[in-house]
Each structure stands twice: as structure tokens, then as C-alpha cells.
Amino acid sequence: MHTDDPVLDLMDRFTAALNSHDLDATMALVTDDIVFESTSPPPDGTRYEGRDAVRKIWAEVLAATPQARFSVEEQFSDGSGRAVVRWRYDWANGHVRGVDIVRVSRANRHNGDPRSQRGARWRCWLAEWRW
């Protein structure tokens, strides 16, 4: 964990929740106005807006790939509440790489303490999913 950077701590918690396939824990880390942009289907992909729409598509992805696991290959934050995460997603018979661009919402800081950030507005540009 990145105890010196609350944004990267949030990214680590998000990755751990996804890897445990705990959709409730994953969704607890995002804001109501979450945006998820997938490149599938090509060429322009699909944009999912709002907690319900994103929860539905992520539930489908996790159900379709029960052995799946995300590995963070590189991540950084710029100190202003933004992060970039380059990852690899492995499942039974393949893998894909992608990049997430994340903006942590200041509205989710509790009592003004930046270490208590608990939500993020996700803008994700993903490589095409292949099942």
C-alpha cells in the first residue's frame, strides 16, 4: 500500500476489491457519477454513466471471468487527485492490458482529511475485452 499517497491507497483498495470479485466493496469506492468507458464493441466502445449502469457491466465482466485477476503494472498520481493506472487483466485463457485515468472526488473527503478519500470518479479507457 502507498501510505504516503491517499490516491494510490484508494487505487490499491480498488484493485484488491476487484481481485476478490467483491462487487459491493468495489462499488463502495466509487462516486454516484462514475463514468466507465469501454472500447468494446469497436470502434467506439460503450460509455456507462452512473453507479447502476457501471455496477451492471462490472457484474457481467466479473461473472464471465471468475478466475480473473488484475495486476497493476504501474500507477502514479499527480498530487491533484488524479491517478493513472496501467494494468494487466488475466483470466483462464487470455489477458488484456489497459489504462485507467481516475479523478478522485474531493466531495468524498471526510472532515477535510485527504487521507480519508473513499470515492473516485472513474474515467477508464480500456483495451478491448476478449472472452
N, C-alpha and C. Protein backbone atom coordinates (compact mmCIF):
# COMPACT_ATOMS: atom_id res chain seq x y z
N MET A 1 0.84 -1.18 0.00
CA MET A 1 0.00 0.00 0.00
C MET A 1 0.89 1.24 0.00
N HIS A 2 0.33 2.31 -0.50
CA HIS A 2 1.04 3.57 -0.63
C HIS A 2 0.59 4.53 0.47
N THR A 3 1.08 4.32 1.67
CA THR A 3 0.58 5.09 2.80
C THR A 3 0.87 6.57 2.69
N ASP A 4 1.84 6.96 1.89
CA ASP A 4 2.16 8.38 1.75
C ASP A 4 1.30 9.07 0.68
N ASP A 5 0.48 8.33 -0.03
CA ASP A 5 -0.35 8.92 -1.08
C ASP A 5 -1.76 8.34 -0.99
N PRO A 6 -2.71 9.14 -0.49
CA PRO A 6 -4.07 8.62 -0.31
C PRO A 6 -4.75 8.23 -1.61
N VAL A 7 -4.38 8.85 -2.71
CA VAL A 7 -4.98 8.49 -4.00
C VAL A 7 -4.51 7.10 -4.42
N LEU A 8 -3.23 6.82 -4.25
CA LEU A 8 -2.73 5.48 -4.60
C LEU A 8 -3.23 4.43 -3.62
N ASP A 9 -3.43 4.82 -2.35
CA ASP A 9 -4.07 3.89 -1.41
C ASP A 9 -5.45 3.49 -1.92
N LEU A 10 -6.20 4.47 -2.41
CA LEU A 10 -7.52 4.19 -2.96
C LEU A 10 -7.43 3.25 -4.16
N MET A 11 -6.46 3.48 -5.02
CA MET A 11 -6.28 2.61 -6.19
C MET A 11 -5.97 1.18 -5.75
N ASP A 12 -5.13 1.04 -4.72
CA ASP A 12 -4.79 -0.29 -4.21
C ASP A 12 -6.02 -0.99 -3.63
N ARG A 13 -6.85 -0.26 -2.89
CA ARG A 13 -8.07 -0.85 -2.33
C ARG A 13 -9.03 -1.26 -3.44
N PHE A 14 -9.12 -0.45 -4.48
CA PHE A 14 -9.98 -0.78 -5.61
C PHE A 14 -9.52 -2.07 -6.30
N THR A 15 -8.22 -2.18 -6.55
CA THR A 15 -7.67 -3.37 -7.18
C THR A 15 -7.92 -4.60 -6.32
N ALA A 16 -7.73 -4.47 -5.01
CA ALA A 16 -7.96 -5.60 -4.10
C ALA A 16 -9.43 -6.02 -4.12
N ALA A 17 -10.34 -5.06 -4.15
CA ALA A 17 -11.78 -5.39 -4.20
C ALA A 17 -12.13 -6.11 -5.49
N LEU A 18 -11.61 -5.63 -6.61
CA LEU A 18 -11.87 -6.31 -7.88
C LEU A 18 -11.30 -7.72 -7.89
N ASN A 19 -10.09 -7.87 -7.38
CA ASN A 19 -9.44 -9.18 -7.38
C ASN A 19 -10.16 -10.18 -6.48
N SER A 20 -10.86 -9.69 -5.48
CA SER A 20 -11.64 -10.59 -4.63
C SER A 20 -13.04 -10.80 -5.20
N HIS A 21 -13.32 -10.14 -6.34
CA HIS A 21 -14.62 -10.21 -7.00
C HIS A 21 -15.74 -9.77 -6.06
N ASP A 22 -15.42 -8.82 -5.21
CA ASP A 22 -16.38 -8.26 -4.27
C ASP A 22 -16.96 -6.99 -4.87
N LEU A 23 -18.06 -7.14 -5.58
CA LEU A 23 -18.65 -6.01 -6.29
C LEU A 23 -19.14 -4.94 -5.32
N ASP A 24 -19.67 -5.32 -4.18
CA ASP A 24 -20.13 -4.33 -3.20
C ASP A 24 -18.96 -3.48 -2.70
N ALA A 25 -17.84 -4.13 -2.38
CA ALA A 25 -16.66 -3.39 -1.92
C ALA A 25 -16.11 -2.50 -3.04
N THR A 26 -16.14 -2.99 -4.27
CA THR A 26 -15.67 -2.19 -5.40
C THR A 26 -16.53 -0.95 -5.58
N MET A 27 -17.83 -1.15 -5.57
CA MET A 27 -18.74 -0.02 -5.78
C MET A 27 -18.71 0.97 -4.62
N ALA A 28 -18.34 0.52 -3.44
CA ALA A 28 -18.24 1.43 -2.29
C ALA A 28 -17.12 2.44 -2.48
N LEU A 29 -16.21 2.18 -3.42
CA LEU A 29 -15.06 3.05 -3.64
C LEU A 29 -15.26 4.03 -4.79
N VAL A 30 -16.44 4.06 -5.37
CA VAL A 30 -16.70 4.97 -6.49
C VAL A 30 -17.85 5.91 -6.16
N THR A 31 -17.91 7.02 -6.88
CA THR A 31 -18.97 8.00 -6.65
C THR A 31 -20.20 7.65 -7.47
N ASP A 32 -21.32 8.32 -7.15
CA ASP A 32 -22.56 8.10 -7.88
C ASP A 32 -22.45 8.49 -9.35
N ASP A 33 -21.58 9.45 -9.65
CA ASP A 33 -21.45 9.93 -11.04
C ASP A 33 -20.31 9.25 -11.79
N ILE A 34 -19.98 8.02 -11.40
CA ILE A 34 -18.92 7.26 -12.06
C ILE A 34 -19.17 7.19 -13.57
N VAL A 35 -18.08 7.25 -14.33
CA VAL A 35 -18.11 7.08 -15.78
C VAL A 35 -17.12 5.98 -16.12
N PHE A 36 -17.58 4.98 -16.85
CA PHE A 36 -16.73 3.88 -17.31
C PHE A 36 -16.85 3.83 -18.82
N GLU A 37 -15.72 3.95 -19.50
CA GLU A 37 -15.73 3.89 -20.96
C GLU A 37 -14.96 2.66 -21.41
N SER A 38 -15.64 1.79 -22.08
CA SER A 38 -15.06 0.56 -22.61
C SER A 38 -14.85 0.71 -24.10
N THR A 39 -13.83 0.08 -24.63
CA THR A 39 -13.62 0.13 -26.07
C THR A 39 -14.40 -0.95 -26.81
N SER A 40 -15.16 -1.73 -26.08
CA SER A 40 -15.96 -2.78 -26.70
C SER A 40 -17.42 -2.33 -26.74
N PRO A 41 -18.09 -2.51 -27.84
CA PRO A 41 -17.58 -3.05 -29.11
C PRO A 41 -16.84 -1.98 -29.92
N PRO A 42 -15.88 -2.41 -30.73
CA PRO A 42 -15.16 -1.48 -31.58
C PRO A 42 -16.09 -0.89 -32.63
N PRO A 43 -15.84 0.22 -33.20
CA PRO A 43 -14.62 1.01 -32.99
C PRO A 43 -14.71 2.02 -31.86
N ASP A 44 -15.90 2.36 -31.38
CA ASP A 44 -16.02 3.46 -30.43
C ASP A 44 -16.37 3.02 -29.02
N GLY A 45 -16.64 1.77 -28.79
CA GLY A 45 -16.92 1.29 -27.45
C GLY A 45 -18.24 1.74 -26.91
N THR A 46 -18.37 1.60 -25.59
CA THR A 46 -19.60 1.95 -24.90
C THR A 46 -19.26 2.78 -23.68
N ARG A 47 -20.07 3.78 -23.44
CA ARG A 47 -19.90 4.63 -22.26
C ARG A 47 -21.01 4.29 -21.27
N TYR A 48 -20.63 3.98 -20.04
CA TYR A 48 -21.56 3.67 -18.97
C TYR A 48 -21.49 4.80 -17.95
N GLU A 49 -22.62 5.39 -17.64
CA GLU A 49 -22.65 6.52 -16.72
C GLU A 49 -23.54 6.21 -15.54
N GLY A 50 -23.05 6.49 -14.35
CA GLY A 50 -23.81 6.29 -13.14
C GLY A 50 -23.55 4.94 -12.49
N ARG A 51 -23.75 4.91 -11.19
CA ARG A 51 -23.46 3.73 -10.38
C ARG A 51 -24.20 2.48 -10.86
N ASP A 52 -25.49 2.59 -11.18
CA ASP A 52 -26.26 1.42 -11.59
C ASP A 52 -25.77 0.82 -12.89
N ALA A 53 -25.50 1.66 -13.87
CA ALA A 53 -25.02 1.18 -15.18
C ALA A 53 -23.65 0.53 -15.06
N VAL A 54 -22.77 1.15 -14.29
CA VAL A 54 -21.42 0.60 -14.14
C VAL A 54 -21.46 -0.68 -13.32
N ARG A 55 -22.24 -0.71 -12.27
CA ARG A 55 -22.37 -1.93 -11.48
C ARG A 55 -22.83 -3.10 -12.35
N LYS A 56 -23.79 -2.85 -13.22
CA LYS A 56 -24.32 -3.91 -14.08
C LYS A 56 -23.24 -4.47 -15.01
N ILE A 57 -22.50 -3.61 -15.69
CA ILE A 57 -21.48 -4.10 -16.62
C ILE A 57 -20.33 -4.77 -15.87
N TRP A 58 -19.92 -4.21 -14.74
CA TRP A 58 -18.84 -4.84 -13.98
C TRP A 58 -19.29 -6.19 -13.43
N ALA A 59 -20.55 -6.32 -13.03
CA ALA A 59 -21.06 -7.61 -12.57
C ALA A 59 -20.99 -8.64 -13.69
N GLU A 60 -21.33 -8.22 -14.91
CA GLU A 60 -21.27 -9.11 -16.07
C GLU A 60 -19.84 -9.55 -16.35
N VAL A 61 -18.91 -8.61 -16.30
CA VAL A 61 -17.50 -8.93 -16.56
C VAL A 61 -16.97 -9.89 -15.50
N LEU A 62 -17.24 -9.61 -14.23
CA LEU A 62 -16.75 -10.49 -13.17
C LEU A 62 -17.38 -11.87 -13.24
N ALA A 63 -18.65 -11.96 -13.60
CA ALA A 63 -19.32 -13.26 -13.72
C ALA A 63 -18.77 -14.05 -14.90
N ALA A 64 -18.42 -13.36 -15.98
CA ALA A 64 -17.91 -14.04 -17.17
C ALA A 64 -16.46 -14.51 -17.00
N THR A 65 -15.76 -13.97 -16.03
CA THR A 65 -14.35 -14.30 -15.84
C THR A 65 -14.07 -14.58 -14.36
N PRO A 66 -14.60 -15.69 -13.83
CA PRO A 66 -14.48 -15.94 -12.38
C PRO A 66 -13.05 -16.12 -11.88
N GLN A 67 -12.12 -16.49 -12.74
CA GLN A 67 -10.73 -16.66 -12.31
C GLN A 67 -9.90 -15.39 -12.55
N ALA A 68 -10.52 -14.35 -13.03
CA ALA A 68 -9.79 -13.17 -13.46
C ALA A 68 -9.08 -12.47 -12.31
N ARG A 69 -7.98 -11.80 -12.67
CA ARG A 69 -7.20 -11.05 -11.70
C ARG A 69 -6.54 -9.86 -12.39
N PHE A 70 -6.62 -8.71 -11.72
CA PHE A 70 -5.92 -7.52 -12.19
C PHE A 70 -4.55 -7.46 -11.54
N SER A 71 -3.55 -7.10 -12.32
CA SER A 71 -2.21 -6.82 -11.81
C SER A 71 -1.86 -5.40 -12.20
N VAL A 72 -1.44 -4.61 -11.24
CA VAL A 72 -1.01 -3.25 -11.53
C VAL A 72 0.42 -3.31 -12.03
N GLU A 73 0.64 -2.82 -13.24
CA GLU A 73 1.98 -2.79 -13.80
C GLU A 73 2.69 -1.49 -13.46
N GLU A 74 1.90 -0.42 -13.36
CA GLU A 74 2.45 0.88 -12.99
C GLU A 74 1.29 1.78 -12.60
N GLN A 75 1.50 2.61 -11.60
CA GLN A 75 0.48 3.59 -11.25
C GLN A 75 1.17 4.80 -10.63
N PHE A 76 0.54 5.94 -10.84
CA PHE A 76 1.05 7.16 -10.22
C PHE A 76 -0.09 8.15 -10.07
N SER A 77 0.09 9.08 -9.15
CA SER A 77 -0.86 10.18 -9.01
C SER A 77 -0.08 11.47 -9.16
N ASP A 78 -0.78 12.50 -9.58
CA ASP A 78 -0.10 13.77 -9.85
C ASP A 78 -0.20 14.77 -8.70
N GLY A 79 -0.74 14.35 -7.57
CA GLY A 79 -0.83 15.22 -6.42
C GLY A 79 -2.07 16.11 -6.40
N SER A 80 -2.88 16.05 -7.46
CA SER A 80 -4.08 16.89 -7.51
C SER A 80 -5.36 16.06 -7.45
N GLY A 81 -5.24 14.80 -7.09
CA GLY A 81 -6.41 13.94 -7.03
C GLY A 81 -6.64 13.15 -8.30
N ARG A 82 -5.65 13.09 -9.16
CA ARG A 82 -5.75 12.28 -10.38
C ARG A 82 -4.73 11.16 -10.33
N ALA A 83 -5.09 10.05 -10.94
CA ALA A 83 -4.17 8.91 -10.99
C ALA A 83 -4.27 8.25 -12.35
N VAL A 84 -3.19 7.61 -12.72
CA VAL A 84 -3.15 6.78 -13.92
C VAL A 84 -2.68 5.41 -13.48
N VAL A 85 -3.41 4.39 -13.89
CA VAL A 85 -3.08 3.01 -13.53
C VAL A 85 -2.96 2.21 -14.82
N ARG A 86 -1.78 1.64 -15.05
CA ARG A 86 -1.59 0.74 -16.18
C ARG A 86 -1.65 -0.67 -15.60
N TRP A 87 -2.52 -1.50 -16.19
CA TRP A 87 -2.79 -2.80 -15.60
C TRP A 87 -2.80 -3.90 -16.64
N ARG A 88 -2.81 -5.12 -16.12
CA ARG A 88 -2.99 -6.33 -16.92
C ARG A 88 -4.13 -7.11 -16.27
N TYR A 89 -5.06 -7.57 -17.11
CA TYR A 89 -6.20 -8.35 -16.64
C TYR A 89 -6.06 -9.75 -17.21
N ASP A 90 -5.83 -10.73 -16.32
CA ASP A 90 -5.65 -12.12 -16.73
C ASP A 90 -6.87 -12.94 -16.36
N TRP A 91 -7.25 -13.84 -17.25
CA TRP A 91 -8.32 -14.80 -16.96
C TRP A 91 -7.88 -16.14 -17.49
N ALA A 92 -8.72 -17.14 -17.44
CA ALA A 92 -8.36 -18.54 -17.70
C ALA A 92 -7.57 -18.73 -18.99
N ASN A 93 -8.01 -18.12 -20.08
CA ASN A 93 -7.35 -18.41 -21.36
C ASN A 93 -6.85 -17.16 -22.08
N GLY A 94 -6.54 -16.13 -21.35
CA GLY A 94 -6.01 -14.95 -22.02
C GLY A 94 -5.76 -13.80 -21.08
N HIS A 95 -5.39 -12.69 -21.68
CA HIS A 95 -5.18 -11.47 -20.91
C HIS A 95 -5.34 -10.27 -21.82
N VAL A 96 -5.45 -9.13 -21.21
CA VAL A 96 -5.51 -7.86 -21.92
C VAL A 96 -4.86 -6.82 -21.02
N ARG A 97 -4.32 -5.79 -21.63
CA ARG A 97 -3.76 -4.68 -20.87
C ARG A 97 -4.59 -3.44 -21.11
N GLY A 98 -4.55 -2.53 -20.16
CA GLY A 98 -5.29 -1.29 -20.30
C GLY A 98 -4.77 -0.22 -19.36
N VAL A 99 -5.38 0.93 -19.47
CA VAL A 99 -5.02 2.08 -18.65
C VAL A 99 -6.30 2.70 -18.11
N ASP A 100 -6.30 3.03 -16.83
CA ASP A 100 -7.40 3.77 -16.22
C ASP A 100 -6.89 5.17 -15.87
N ILE A 101 -7.69 6.15 -16.17
CA ILE A 101 -7.43 7.53 -15.76
C ILE A 101 -8.50 7.85 -14.74
N VAL A 102 -8.09 8.21 -13.53
CA VAL A 102 -9.00 8.35 -12.41
C VAL A 102 -8.91 9.75 -11.82
N ARG A 103 -10.07 10.33 -11.53
CA ARG A 103 -10.13 11.59 -10.79
C ARG A 103 -10.81 11.31 -9.47
N VAL A 104 -10.11 11.54 -8.38
CA VAL A 104 -10.69 11.34 -7.05
C VAL A 104 -11.50 12.57 -6.70
N SER A 105 -12.73 12.35 -6.31
CA SER A 105 -13.65 13.43 -5.99
C SER A 105 -13.34 14.01 -4.63
N ARG A 106 -13.11 15.30 -4.58
CA ARG A 106 -12.87 15.96 -3.30
C ARG A 106 -14.12 15.92 -2.43
N ALA A 107 -15.27 15.77 -3.02
CA ALA A 107 -16.52 15.69 -2.26
C ALA A 107 -16.54 14.47 -1.36
N ASN A 108 -15.71 13.50 -1.64
CA ASN A 108 -15.71 12.28 -0.83
C ASN A 108 -14.65 12.32 0.26
N ARG A 109 -14.03 13.45 0.47
CA ARG A 109 -13.11 13.56 1.60
C ARG A 109 -13.93 13.85 2.84
N HIS A 110 -13.60 13.19 3.91
CA HIS A 110 -14.36 13.35 5.15
C HIS A 110 -13.57 14.23 6.11
N ASN A 111 -14.23 15.21 6.69
CA ASN A 111 -13.64 16.10 7.68
C ASN A 111 -12.40 16.82 7.16
N GLY A 112 -12.30 17.00 5.86
CA GLY A 112 -11.18 17.73 5.29
C GLY A 112 -9.87 16.96 5.28
N ASP A 113 -9.89 15.72 5.72
CA ASP A 113 -8.66 14.93 5.77
C ASP A 113 -8.47 14.21 4.45
N PRO A 114 -7.43 14.59 3.67
CA PRO A 114 -7.25 13.95 2.36
C PRO A 114 -6.98 12.45 2.46
N ARG A 115 -6.54 11.96 3.59
CA ARG A 115 -6.30 10.52 3.73
C ARG A 115 -7.60 9.74 3.84
N SER A 116 -8.70 10.42 4.05
CA SER A 116 -9.96 9.70 4.20
C SER A 116 -10.76 9.69 2.90
N GLN A 117 -10.11 9.96 1.78
CA GLN A 117 -10.80 9.88 0.50
C GLN A 117 -11.31 8.47 0.34
N ARG A 118 -12.55 8.33 -0.03
CA ARG A 118 -13.08 6.98 -0.19
C ARG A 118 -13.74 6.75 -1.52
N GLY A 119 -13.83 7.73 -2.37
CA GLY A 119 -14.51 7.53 -3.64
C GLY A 119 -13.74 8.15 -4.79
N ALA A 120 -14.03 7.67 -5.95
CA ALA A 120 -13.37 8.20 -7.14
C ALA A 120 -14.37 8.25 -8.28
N ARG A 121 -14.21 9.23 -9.10
CA ARG A 121 -14.95 9.23 -10.36
C ARG A 121 -14.02 8.60 -11.37
N TRP A 122 -14.44 7.48 -11.89
CA TRP A 122 -13.58 6.72 -12.79
C TRP A 122 -13.85 7.07 -14.23
N ARG A 123 -12.82 7.39 -14.96
CA ARG A 123 -12.89 7.51 -16.40
C ARG A 123 -11.88 6.51 -16.93
N CYS A 124 -12.35 5.45 -17.50
CA CYS A 124 -11.48 4.34 -17.85
C CYS A 124 -11.46 4.12 -19.35
N TRP A 125 -10.31 4.12 -19.89
CA TRP A 125 -10.15 3.74 -21.29
C TRP A 125 -9.49 2.38 -21.29
N LEU A 126 -10.20 1.38 -21.80
CA LEU A 126 -9.75 0.01 -21.67
C LEU A 126 -9.49 -0.60 -23.02
N ALA A 127 -8.52 -1.49 -23.04
CA ALA A 127 -8.32 -2.28 -24.24
C ALA A 127 -9.54 -3.19 -24.43
N GLU A 128 -9.74 -3.66 -25.61
CA GLU A 128 -10.93 -4.47 -25.90
C GLU A 128 -10.92 -5.75 -25.07
N TRP A 129 -12.07 -6.03 -24.46
CA TRP A 129 -12.23 -7.27 -23.70
C TRP A 129 -12.35 -8.43 -24.67
N ARG A 130 -11.69 -9.53 -24.38
CA ARG A 130 -11.79 -10.72 -25.24
C ARG A 130 -12.08 -11.92 -24.35
N TRP A 131 -13.31 -12.47 -24.48
CA TRP A 131 -13.69 -13.63 -23.67
C TRP A 131 -13.59 -14.88 -24.50
